[in-house]
Each structure stands twice: as structure tokens, then as C-alpha cells.
Amino acid sequence: MTTTTLNKDMTVKDVLDRWPATLDVFVANGFENFSDEKQRNAVGAFLKLERAAQTKNYDLDNFLGLLQEKIDEELNQVDVTMKKTQKANSQVTVTGLLPCPVRLPLLEGFDAFIEQYTEETGNEVSYKLEAASVGASWIEENIQGIENPADLPDIFLSAGFETFFDQRTIGHFKDEGVFTDVTGTAVNRDFSDIDIKDPKRDYSIIAAVPAVFMVNHDVLGDLPVPRTWSDLLKPEYEQQVALPVGDFDLFNAILLALHKEHGDEGIEKLGRCMLKAMHPSQMVKNAKRVAEEKPIVTIMPYFFTKMARMVKSLEIVWPEDGAVVSPIFMLTKKDSLEKVKPIAEFLSSKPVGEILAQKGLFPSVHPEVDNQLEGDHPWKWVGWDYIYENDIGTMIKRTTKIFEDSMNAA
């Protein structure tokens, strides 16, 4: 792996000249002026990173960390993604979507493992692991329409509920007993209070994407800080909340979790509380700006709290009644198990769990991973009883319509 480091005494121009891709980080965190070449050559030539962070009241270590992540990503992206991963006459296929913040380190580790696996077993492996940001369109192109289990990948990875339980996609194969869980029964102590393991041993859950609150004290005014999801549904928060509607995996998990506890009325209230659909990185970027419509609360994946912690006016709230869980699933075909078990075990291993938990803030289910969660961290998990008692694909469509009708009526 190619690496390099930056330091607080470098100027903005030094950084941008050496690593142009870091412009995205500067712009996303309030330094739009550096998009202009004249500003980079004038102000940027004298402004050191330490002083730049001070001007925005950002934590210096977090700010440097974001820049370093972008540098490392760009340096390693070409080597990782240009490798030939689709191979003719392969004996094993692995397909899926990986969370964007950890895709490159996961691919790098997976590449090395597959080389060793092929050398030891003689089995060629074709794999296509895309960034989760490609979303539903990728699933439609690669999964929908498959009728024969033999046409499914031997291992499939993704987050969320819709793909795995919708009868139009993966759901009907699960009912036919096509999959098996290879991860064992032990669970990370961070998940000991919920039934995260599939009791029917069809699905493997390897990690979770938690949904938490980010509260903007600059616009909170006299309102109390919401500490629970129930607080958020109160009338005083109507049209005050940004929701991750575009992140369909996380948003569907929120809809299901709130519908389980609050029914249709809870989804209607959620629709009324929405001010706008906003990507979490946008909310952090806009936190220090004057805006006509600035949300008091943003619902975001826990990963984005790394960026938000740089802004002193933003408070991260892990809901007292639990962060909603959007699970990262792995499906392993039962009839391929003899060949693919080592690969499935690697993907659910401690090293992969540490990448998910420590680089992406996606807590791992592996019992030996330190998820580095601070303080109390309860979960709001729909549970397997709810999953098996409901048609999840239909439920997502129904709650989405209730939400949209309520939002439009607000």
C-alpha cells in the first residue's frame, strides 16, 4: 500500500498542489474559495492547515484525518480498482455492495486473500464489489429477474432490508432454503441485548450501520435536544428535521423500526417532521452558513459523526431508545459451501470486522472486534420475529407511501 502523510504546518496550497483530490474535503468543510485558482495561489499559499482549522473552530486532528483519508484513498484507488476481478470459467462468484468509506481497504484485503485462496485451492474467483452509493439501480441490473438459484452469486453482500427480503429479488430464494449462515452463534458484546443473529440460520449479519441524531445548536433555540425517536415525532419538531431519504438502506430501516413501535401514525409524524432530504455530508458542510431552511436535527449514519465533531455547534446524540440498525448482510449459497466457506469466513472475520468498525464506524458483530463505541449505545432493531411475520418488501413500499403522503401534506 502506498501511503504518505501531511502535517499541520503545510499550507493549503502545498496540499492541493500535491493532492488535488483533497479539494473535495476543503470545499465540503466550508473552504469553497479554494475552488478558485487565484484564491489558492494567494490565500492558500500562506494559510497553514492548523490556522485553517482554527478559523472554522474545527478539531485539528479530525480535520487532518479527513484530509489524510482522502489522500490515502486516491493513492490506493487505482491499484485496487484496476485489478482484473472478472474471470472467465471461474468456479466461485462473489457480488455485492460495500459501504463507501471502507470499500477500498476492504477490497485491498480481499484481493490479497483471494490470491492466496486460489493458490491453495485452484479455484478461480470472479468478484464484483461495488460502492454502496450505486444503490438500487445496481441491484436491479444484477439481481432482479434471476429465477434459478444457480444463477445467483455464491456469496452476496449488501446493507439494508429491501434487497434481501423482497420477494421479487432475494426473498423467495431464502424461503427455498438456498442460503446458510457460516458465522456461528457468538456475538459481539455490543449487540448482546438484541437478537441480531438469524435464528433460522439463513442470513449472516456481519455489521451494522447505526442511525443517530446530529443537533445544530445554532438553530435549536429554546427547543429541548431530542434524546429519543419519540421526542423527534413531537409537534415541535415538525419541518425541522433532515432525513437520509436518498440512502435507501438506512431510510428503509428507519421506516420499519418506527412503524414497528408507532404504527402508521408514527410514520405520518415522521413525514411531518421532515424539512428536507439532505446527505449528511451536506449538513455538516452547511452547518456554519446562514440558510433560510436549516434543519435543527439531521438523521445520519454514525460514520458521518467524524466530520460533524469538527463543528462545535453540532451535538451528536445516540438515541436513548436506540440507534436504528441497518444491517450489513452476507448471503452464502448452501450448495456452494464446500468451495466458498473460507471466503465467507474471511468476509465475516475479525480483520474485516475491524476495518468496518474502526475505519467506517460500522460496528461489527464479530465477538473479538473492539467497536470503539463510547458510553451507552442501545439499539433499535426490528428483530427477526418482525422480519419473519411481515412481508418486508411490501411493508417498505407501504410505509414509504404513508411517509410521502404525510410529508407532502405538511
Protein backbone atom coordinates (compact mmCIF):
# COMPACT_ATOMS: atom_id res chain seq x y z
CA MET A 1 0.00 0.00 0.00
CA THR A 2 1.25 3.44 -0.93
CA THR A 3 0.99 5.93 1.91
CA THR A 4 2.06 9.44 2.67
CA THR A 5 1.34 11.88 5.46
CA LEU A 6 0.65 15.54 5.82
CA ASN A 7 1.21 17.80 8.83
CA LYS A 8 -0.31 20.88 10.40
CA ASP A 9 2.45 23.21 9.15
CA MET A 10 1.77 22.54 5.48
CA THR A 11 -0.07 25.28 3.61
CA VAL A 12 -3.36 24.72 1.87
CA LYS A 13 -1.64 25.32 -1.47
CA ASP A 14 1.03 22.73 -0.66
CA VAL A 15 -1.65 20.15 -0.01
CA LEU A 16 -3.74 20.98 -3.07
CA ASP A 17 -0.71 21.03 -5.36
CA ARG A 18 0.43 17.60 -4.18
CA TRP A 19 -3.01 16.01 -3.76
CA PRO A 20 -5.63 17.81 -5.89
CA ALA A 21 -8.36 15.39 -4.82
CA THR A 22 -8.32 16.94 -1.33
CA LEU A 23 -10.15 19.94 -2.79
CA ASP A 24 -13.36 17.94 -2.19
CA VAL A 25 -12.60 17.87 1.54
CA PHE A 26 -11.82 21.57 1.72
CA VAL A 27 -14.98 22.52 -0.19
CA ALA A 28 -17.18 20.14 1.82
CA ASN A 29 -15.99 21.77 5.03
CA GLY A 30 -16.52 25.43 4.21
CA PHE A 31 -13.45 26.39 2.14
CA GLU A 32 -15.24 26.90 -1.18
CA ASN A 33 -12.93 29.81 -2.01
CA PHE A 34 -10.10 27.38 -2.75
CA SER A 35 -12.02 26.17 -5.79
CA ASP A 36 -10.74 29.40 -7.34
CA GLU A 37 -7.14 29.14 -8.53
CA LYS A 38 -6.38 32.76 -7.63
CA GLN A 39 -7.52 32.18 -4.05
CA ARG A 40 -5.39 29.04 -3.82
CA ASN A 41 -2.32 30.90 -5.03
CA ALA A 42 -2.94 33.94 -2.84
CA VAL A 43 -4.56 32.95 0.47
CA GLY A 44 -3.78 29.24 0.21
CA ALA A 45 -0.05 29.88 -0.23
CA PHE A 46 0.19 31.37 3.26
CA LEU A 47 -2.64 29.66 5.17
CA LYS A 48 -1.34 26.69 7.13
CA LEU A 49 -3.60 23.75 7.92
CA GLU A 50 -3.51 24.44 11.65
CA ARG A 51 -4.72 28.01 11.14
CA ALA A 52 -7.33 26.89 8.59
CA ALA A 53 -8.85 24.55 11.18
CA GLN A 54 -8.83 27.32 13.80
CA THR A 55 -10.75 29.70 11.52
CA LYS A 56 -13.66 27.21 11.42
CA ASN A 57 -13.37 26.10 15.06
CA TYR A 58 -12.56 22.61 13.80
CA ASP A 59 -10.71 19.99 15.78
CA LEU A 60 -7.26 19.87 14.16
CA ASP A 61 -6.76 16.10 14.44
CA ASN A 62 -10.15 15.37 12.88
CA PHE A 63 -9.53 17.87 10.09
CA LEU A 64 -6.12 16.39 9.29
CA GLY A 65 -7.64 12.93 9.49
CA LEU A 66 -10.24 13.71 6.83
CA LEU A 67 -7.58 15.07 4.51
CA GLN A 68 -5.34 12.06 5.15
CA GLU A 69 -8.19 9.64 4.40
CA LYS A 70 -8.76 11.34 1.05
CA ILE A 71 -5.05 11.21 0.23
CA ASP A 72 -4.79 7.52 1.12
CA GLU A 73 -7.94 6.75 -0.86
CA GLU A 74 -6.66 8.42 -4.00
CA LEU A 75 -3.19 6.90 -3.77
CA ASN A 76 -4.52 3.38 -3.42
CA GLN A 77 -7.65 3.54 -5.54
CA VAL A 78 -6.04 2.90 -8.91
CA ASP A 79 -4.08 -0.15 -7.78
CA VAL A 80 -7.11 -1.70 -6.07
CA THR A 81 -9.86 -0.99 -8.55
CA MET A 82 -7.94 -1.64 -11.77
CA LYS A 83 -7.22 -5.26 -10.94
CA LYS A 84 -8.92 -7.81 -13.14
CA THR A 85 -11.60 -9.33 -10.95
CA GLN A 86 -13.98 -10.77 -13.55
CA LYS A 87 -12.52 -14.06 -14.73
CA ALA A 88 -13.77 -16.48 -17.36
CA ASN A 89 -14.58 -20.03 -16.24
CA SER A 90 -14.29 -19.12 -12.56
CA GLN A 91 -15.51 -21.63 -10.00
CA VAL A 92 -16.70 -19.03 -7.45
CA THR A 93 -18.57 -15.72 -7.78
CA VAL A 94 -18.79 -13.02 -5.12
CA THR A 95 -21.01 -9.99 -5.67
CA GLY A 96 -22.32 -7.08 -3.66
CA LEU A 97 -22.21 -3.53 -2.42
CA LEU A 98 -19.64 -2.30 0.09
CA PRO A 99 -20.05 0.80 2.29
CA CYS A 100 -18.27 3.65 0.52
CA PRO A 101 -15.98 4.71 3.41
CA VAL A 102 -14.44 1.24 3.72
CA ARG A 103 -14.67 -0.13 0.19
CA LEU A 104 -11.03 0.43 -0.75
CA PRO A 105 -9.41 -1.08 2.38
CA LEU A 106 -11.83 -3.99 2.20
CA LEU A 107 -11.04 -4.58 -1.47
CA GLU A 108 -7.34 -4.44 -0.78
CA GLY A 109 -7.58 -7.10 1.91
CA PHE A 110 -9.96 -9.19 -0.18
CA ASP A 111 -7.64 -9.09 -3.20
CA ALA A 112 -4.77 -10.45 -1.13
CA PHE A 113 -6.95 -13.16 0.43
CA ILE A 114 -8.34 -14.31 -2.94
CA GLU A 115 -4.85 -14.64 -4.42
CA GLN A 116 -3.89 -16.93 -1.54
CA TYR A 117 -7.20 -18.83 -1.73
CA THR A 118 -6.77 -19.51 -5.46
CA GLU A 119 -3.19 -20.62 -4.99
CA GLU A 120 -4.21 -23.07 -2.25
CA THR A 121 -7.44 -24.43 -3.79
CA GLY A 122 -7.03 -23.93 -7.53
CA ASN A 123 -10.46 -22.24 -7.62
CA GLU A 124 -10.64 -19.05 -9.66
CA VAL A 125 -12.84 -16.35 -8.14
CA SER A 126 -14.76 -13.65 -10.01
CA TYR A 127 -15.91 -10.81 -7.82
CA LYS A 128 -17.68 -7.53 -8.30
CA LEU A 129 -17.91 -5.43 -5.14
CA GLU A 130 -19.27 -2.00 -5.98
CA ALA A 131 -19.64 1.09 -3.79
CA ALA A 132 -22.98 1.17 -1.96
CA SER A 133 -23.63 4.60 -3.47
CA VAL A 134 -24.65 2.96 -6.77
CA GLY A 135 -27.68 1.71 -4.86
CA ALA A 136 -30.90 0.30 -6.18
CA SER A 137 -30.05 0.56 -9.87
CA TRP A 138 -27.14 -1.82 -9.45
CA ILE A 139 -29.33 -4.33 -7.63
CA GLU A 140 -31.97 -4.15 -10.35
CA GLU A 141 -29.35 -4.82 -13.03
CA ASN A 142 -27.58 -7.66 -11.21
CA ILE A 143 -30.17 -9.41 -9.01
CA GLN A 144 -33.74 -8.74 -10.13
CA GLY A 145 -35.05 -11.17 -12.69
CA ILE A 146 -32.95 -14.15 -11.56
CA GLU A 147 -35.22 -17.20 -11.29
CA ASN A 148 -32.74 -20.07 -11.00
CA PRO A 149 -30.67 -20.29 -7.77
CA ALA A 150 -27.74 -21.49 -9.89
CA ASP A 151 -27.56 -18.00 -11.43
CA LEU A 152 -27.09 -16.32 -8.06
CA PRO A 153 -23.60 -15.39 -6.87
CA ASP A 154 -22.11 -17.84 -4.40
CA ILE A 155 -21.72 -15.00 -1.88
CA PHE A 156 -23.71 -11.78 -1.87
CA LEU A 157 -23.06 -8.74 0.35
CA SER A 158 -25.09 -5.60 0.91
CA ALA A 159 -26.81 -3.46 3.53
CA GLY A 160 -30.47 -2.85 4.24
CA PHE A 161 -33.64 -4.88 4.03
CA GLU A 162 -35.32 -4.45 0.66
CA THR A 163 -32.90 -6.49 -1.44
CA PHE A 164 -32.84 -9.42 0.94
CA PHE A 165 -36.50 -9.79 1.83
CA ASP A 166 -38.35 -8.50 -1.22
CA GLN A 167 -39.98 -11.48 -2.92
CA ARG A 168 -39.08 -10.00 -6.32
CA THR A 169 -35.36 -10.27 -5.58
CA ILE A 170 -33.65 -12.43 -2.95
CA GLY A 171 -36.58 -13.12 -0.62
CA HIS A 172 -38.11 -16.08 -2.44
CA PHE A 173 -34.73 -17.87 -2.59
CA LYS A 174 -34.44 -17.60 1.17
CA ASP A 175 -37.83 -19.32 1.50
CA GLU A 176 -36.47 -22.14 -0.66
CA GLY A 177 -33.55 -22.75 1.75
CA VAL A 178 -30.87 -21.61 -0.71
CA PHE A 179 -28.66 -19.85 1.88
CA THR A 180 -26.84 -20.74 5.07
CA ASP A 181 -25.17 -18.78 7.87
CA VAL A 182 -21.50 -19.69 8.45
CA THR A 183 -20.72 -17.14 11.19
CA GLY A 184 -21.51 -19.24 14.25
CA THR A 185 -23.57 -18.21 17.26
CA ALA A 186 -21.13 -15.99 19.19
CA VAL A 187 -21.88 -12.28 19.02
CA ASN A 188 -20.04 -9.08 19.91
CA ARG A 189 -20.94 -7.88 23.39
CA ASP A 190 -22.08 -4.55 21.91
CA PHE A 191 -25.04 -6.47 20.44
CA SER A 192 -25.69 -8.78 23.38
CA ASP A 193 -29.02 -7.12 24.22
CA ILE A 194 -30.65 -7.74 20.82
CA ASP A 195 -31.35 -10.82 18.69
CA ILE A 196 -29.01 -9.81 15.87
CA LYS A 197 -28.32 -13.39 14.75
CA ASP A 198 -30.81 -15.02 12.39
CA PRO A 199 -32.41 -17.88 14.40
CA LYS A 200 -33.18 -19.76 11.18
CA ARG A 201 -29.51 -19.56 10.14
CA ASP A 202 -30.26 -18.39 6.61
CA TYR A 203 -28.72 -14.91 6.73
CA SER A 204 -25.41 -13.71 8.15
CA ILE A 205 -25.16 -10.22 9.60
CA ILE A 206 -21.56 -9.04 9.76
CA ALA A 207 -22.00 -5.42 10.91
CA ALA A 208 -24.49 -2.60 11.43
CA VAL A 209 -24.98 0.90 10.05
CA PRO A 210 -26.37 2.90 13.02
CA ALA A 211 -28.64 5.92 12.52
CA VAL A 212 -28.05 8.70 15.07
CA PHE A 213 -29.05 12.36 15.55
CA MET A 214 -26.99 15.44 14.84
CA VAL A 215 -28.38 18.52 16.58
CA ASN A 216 -27.46 22.03 15.40
CA HIS A 217 -27.36 24.30 18.46
CA ASP A 218 -27.08 27.39 16.26
CA VAL A 219 -30.73 26.95 15.28
CA LEU A 220 -32.09 24.90 18.22
CA GLY A 221 -33.29 27.97 20.08
CA ASP A 222 -35.46 27.17 23.13
CA LEU A 223 -36.36 23.68 21.96
CA PRO A 224 -35.03 20.79 24.05
CA VAL A 225 -32.45 18.49 22.50
CA PRO A 226 -34.30 15.36 21.28
CA ARG A 227 -32.93 12.33 23.07
CA THR A 228 -35.25 9.65 21.68
CA TRP A 229 -37.03 8.85 18.43
CA SER A 230 -40.30 9.52 20.24
CA ASP A 231 -39.08 13.04 21.04
CA LEU A 232 -38.41 13.59 17.36
CA LEU A 233 -42.03 12.78 16.47
CA LYS A 234 -43.43 15.54 18.68
CA PRO A 235 -45.19 18.52 17.04
CA GLU A 236 -42.43 20.99 17.95
CA TYR A 237 -40.05 19.25 15.53
CA GLU A 238 -42.39 19.39 12.54
CA GLN A 239 -40.48 20.53 9.44
CA GLN A 240 -37.28 20.76 11.47
CA VAL A 241 -35.52 17.51 10.55
CA ALA A 242 -33.29 16.41 7.65
CA LEU A 243 -33.73 12.75 6.78
CA PRO A 244 -31.49 10.42 4.70
CA VAL A 245 -34.19 9.65 2.14
CA GLY A 246 -31.57 9.16 -0.59
CA ASP A 247 -29.80 6.48 1.49
CA PHE A 248 -32.48 3.89 0.82
CA ASP A 249 -30.90 1.19 3.01
CA LEU A 250 -30.77 3.37 6.11
CA PHE A 251 -34.06 5.14 5.44
CA ASN A 252 -35.93 1.84 4.99
CA ALA A 253 -34.51 0.62 8.30
CA ILE A 254 -35.81 3.80 9.99
CA LEU A 255 -39.27 3.35 8.46
CA LEU A 256 -39.50 -0.26 9.60
CA ALA A 257 -38.20 0.39 13.11
CA LEU A 258 -40.56 3.31 13.74
CA HIS A 259 -43.53 1.52 12.20
CA LYS A 260 -42.98 -1.46 14.47
CA GLU A 261 -43.19 0.77 17.57
CA HIS A 262 -45.50 3.59 16.48
CA GLY A 263 -47.56 2.17 13.61
CA ASP A 264 -48.90 4.23 10.71
CA GLU A 265 -49.29 7.26 12.98
CA GLY A 266 -45.56 7.25 13.73
CA ILE A 267 -44.69 7.25 10.02
CA GLU A 268 -47.13 10.11 9.43
CA LYS A 269 -45.41 12.11 12.18
CA LEU A 270 -42.02 11.32 10.66
CA GLY A 271 -43.25 12.72 7.33
CA ARG A 272 -44.44 15.89 9.03
CA CYS A 273 -41.15 16.43 10.83
CA MET A 274 -39.12 16.38 7.61
CA LEU A 275 -37.72 19.71 6.45
CA LYS A 276 -35.61 18.38 3.61
CA ALA A 277 -33.80 15.37 2.25
CA MET A 278 -30.13 16.05 2.76
CA HIS A 279 -26.99 13.98 2.53
CA PRO A 280 -25.22 14.04 5.93
CA SER A 281 -22.04 15.50 4.43
CA GLN A 282 -24.13 18.39 3.08
CA MET A 283 -25.49 19.13 6.53
CA VAL A 284 -22.03 19.27 8.04
CA LYS A 285 -20.82 21.47 5.18
CA ASN A 286 -23.71 23.89 5.69
CA ALA A 287 -23.58 23.96 9.47
CA LYS A 288 -21.70 27.26 9.70
CA ARG A 289 -23.61 29.03 6.92
CA VAL A 290 -26.63 31.24 7.00
CA ALA A 291 -29.54 29.43 5.35
CA GLU A 292 -33.26 30.02 5.18
CA GLU A 293 -34.05 26.38 5.84
CA LYS A 294 -31.50 24.88 8.19
CA PRO A 295 -32.60 21.68 9.99
CA ILE A 296 -32.42 21.54 13.75
CA VAL A 297 -31.83 17.79 13.61
CA THR A 298 -30.22 15.62 10.94
CA ILE A 299 -30.59 11.84 10.98
CA MET A 300 -27.30 10.41 9.76
CA PRO A 301 -25.18 7.26 9.65
CA TYR A 302 -22.82 7.16 12.61
CA PHE A 303 -19.86 7.31 10.22
CA PHE A 304 -20.52 10.96 9.41
CA THR A 305 -20.13 11.99 13.03
CA LYS A 306 -16.38 12.01 12.41
CA MET A 307 -16.88 15.06 10.22
CA ALA A 308 -19.55 16.64 12.40
CA ARG A 309 -17.38 16.57 15.51
CA MET A 310 -15.22 19.28 13.98
CA VAL A 311 -18.06 21.80 14.29
CA LYS A 312 -18.57 22.98 17.86
CA SER A 313 -22.23 23.93 17.34
CA LEU A 314 -23.15 20.36 16.39
CA GLU A 315 -24.00 17.74 19.00
CA ILE A 316 -24.11 14.04 18.21
CA VAL A 317 -26.91 12.24 20.04
CA TRP A 318 -27.01 8.46 20.23
CA PRO A 319 -30.76 8.00 20.86
CA GLU A 320 -31.56 6.76 24.35
CA ASP A 321 -34.12 4.36 22.89
CA GLY A 322 -31.53 3.06 20.43
CA ALA A 323 -29.75 3.85 17.18
CA VAL A 324 -31.75 2.33 14.33
CA VAL A 325 -29.88 -0.65 12.86
CA SER A 326 -29.47 -1.05 9.11
CA PRO A 327 -27.75 -4.46 8.91
CA ILE A 328 -24.92 -5.37 6.57
CA PHE A 329 -25.89 -8.82 5.34
CA MET A 330 -23.93 -11.66 3.79
CA LEU A 331 -25.68 -14.48 1.96
CA THR A 332 -23.81 -17.72 1.30
CA LYS A 333 -25.26 -20.37 -1.01
CA LYS A 334 -25.64 -23.68 0.75
CA ASP A 335 -24.81 -25.82 -2.28
CA SER A 336 -21.54 -23.89 -2.80
CA LEU A 337 -20.46 -24.11 0.83
CA GLU A 338 -17.66 -26.63 0.32
CA LYS A 339 -15.89 -24.22 -2.05
CA VAL A 340 -16.81 -20.85 -0.57
CA LYS A 341 -16.71 -21.41 3.18
CA PRO A 342 -13.14 -20.00 3.54
CA ILE A 343 -14.20 -16.85 1.64
CA ALA A 344 -17.35 -16.40 3.72
CA GLU A 345 -15.31 -16.89 6.90
CA PHE A 346 -12.84 -14.25 5.75
CA LEU A 347 -15.60 -11.73 5.00
CA SER A 348 -17.01 -12.27 8.49
CA SER A 349 -13.59 -12.40 10.17
CA LYS A 350 -12.04 -10.21 12.85
CA PRO A 351 -9.74 -8.32 10.40
CA VAL A 352 -12.69 -7.40 8.15
CA GLY A 353 -14.74 -6.52 11.22
CA GLU A 354 -12.00 -4.18 12.41
CA ILE A 355 -11.96 -2.36 9.06
CA LEU A 356 -15.73 -1.94 9.19
CA ALA A 357 -15.78 -0.81 12.81
CA GLN A 358 -12.66 1.29 13.08
CA LYS A 359 -12.38 2.85 9.62
CA GLY A 360 -16.07 3.11 8.83
CA LEU A 361 -17.74 3.27 12.28
CA PHE A 362 -19.92 0.34 11.26
CA PRO A 363 -19.94 -1.77 14.44
CA SER A 364 -19.00 -5.39 13.79
CA VAL A 365 -20.91 -8.42 15.05
CA HIS A 366 -17.66 -10.41 15.35
CA PRO A 367 -17.14 -11.21 19.05
CA GLU A 368 -13.45 -10.22 19.13
CA VAL A 369 -13.70 -6.80 17.46
CA ASP A 370 -13.38 -3.63 19.53
CA ASN A 371 -16.09 -1.40 18.05
CA GLN A 372 -14.76 1.58 20.00
CA LEU A 373 -18.25 2.75 20.93
CA GLU A 374 -18.31 5.34 23.70
CA GLY A 375 -20.78 5.33 26.59
CA ASP A 376 -24.22 3.76 26.31
CA HIS A 377 -25.15 2.62 22.82
CA PRO A 378 -28.55 0.89 22.80
CA TRP A 379 -30.06 -0.32 19.53
CA LYS A 380 -33.43 -0.02 17.84
CA TRP A 381 -33.59 -3.28 15.89
CA VAL A 382 -36.79 -4.56 14.30
CA GLY A 383 -35.91 -8.12 15.29
CA TRP A 384 -36.29 -11.40 13.46
CA ASP A 385 -39.84 -12.02 14.70
CA TYR A 386 -40.95 -8.84 12.93
CA ILE A 387 -38.95 -9.74 9.81
CA TYR A 388 -40.47 -13.22 9.55
CA GLU A 389 -44.01 -12.14 10.43
CA ASN A 390 -44.19 -9.42 7.76
CA ASP A 391 -43.71 -9.12 4.02
CA ILE A 392 -40.80 -6.68 4.31
CA GLY A 393 -40.77 -5.61 0.67
CA THR A 394 -44.48 -4.75 0.80
CA MET A 395 -44.08 -3.08 4.19
CA ILE A 396 -41.32 -0.80 2.88
CA LYS A 397 -43.48 0.29 -0.04
CA ARG A 398 -46.47 0.88 2.22
CA THR A 399 -44.61 2.91 4.86
CA THR A 400 -42.82 4.90 2.16
CA LYS A 401 -46.17 5.95 0.69
CA ILE A 402 -47.52 6.92 4.12
CA PHE A 403 -44.38 8.97 4.73
CA GLU A 404 -44.52 10.72 1.35
CA ASP A 405 -48.25 11.50 1.66
CA SER A 406 -47.73 12.98 5.12
CA MET A 407 -44.66 14.95 4.04
CA ASN A 408 -46.47 16.44 1.05
CA ALA A 409 -49.45 17.37 3.21
CA ALA A 410 -47.34 19.13 5.84
